[in-house]
Amino acid sequence: MRRGGQGLLVALLGALLLTFGVSRPADPALWPPQGPDRVTVYLVDNGYHSNVVLPRSALAASGGAAARALAHVPPGDWVAVGWGDRRFFTESGLSLRRALDGLRALFAPGNPSVTMFEPLPDSPERLWRSGVLRLEVSRPGFAALVRRIDASLRLRGGAPVEGPRGPAPKARFFESGEHFSIFKLCNHWAAGLLNAAGLPVRPVLDTWGSGLAFDLRSGALRRSDRQTENPMR
């Protein structure tokens, strides 16, 4: 029993180390942002899926592939950007077939994916009471975040390739060159956008949507608050 208890303790410590110790560090040139020239973005999660919400005007001004995709997106001052498996992400409902398709998306190799752009009529903090995290990123950090979205889009003749339509009538999906799996989920992808903007993230903790929000609150945002309180550090 003593050996079993020791083994369980070692396994628990290993899991904690993996969850909190494996990280993608901050880029000190981008985060925390310095000066007043910042862009407000949001992380929105429903507990298992995360989107990053961006101001449409700033995204359109970037001029890259994501900006070209906006030409196909209905009006809205804010745009939720997300990513997922090409079939599972664009379908909805509860059924045995969908449950099996979810297992396929997690464990089959080489699953094609799509990047979603969904217009919002207002900022997320005015639309939802929970699951919304406001972030301020530097202007160069925002540019790096958008370049990461650009890189996810499959292009044909320089234009993003439209994918299937999903259940949300205003959302538009575009083919992505990345592959979805249990090792690269929607929340990992959202974390990658924020990491590109300079924020530190912990990929294991980011596996689920609420985990990514907790990661940012306990890591990147706490660091930013400390720097604000102690600017000479």
Foldseek 3Di string as FASTA:
>chain_A
DVVVVVVVVVVVVVVVCLQPVAKDAFDVVKPPHDDDQKFKKKWFAPWFAIWIKGQLVLLLVLPAQSVLVCVLFDDARMKTKWKAFQPLVQEDDDDPVSVVVVVCLAAPPDGWMKMKIAHDNDDVVVVDVDRMDMDIIHPVLLSQLSVLVRQQFDDDPRHFAWGDHHPPVRMTITTGPDGGYLQCGGQNSVVVSNVSSGFMFNNNLSSGSVSRVVRCVVGRVVVRVVCVVVVVD
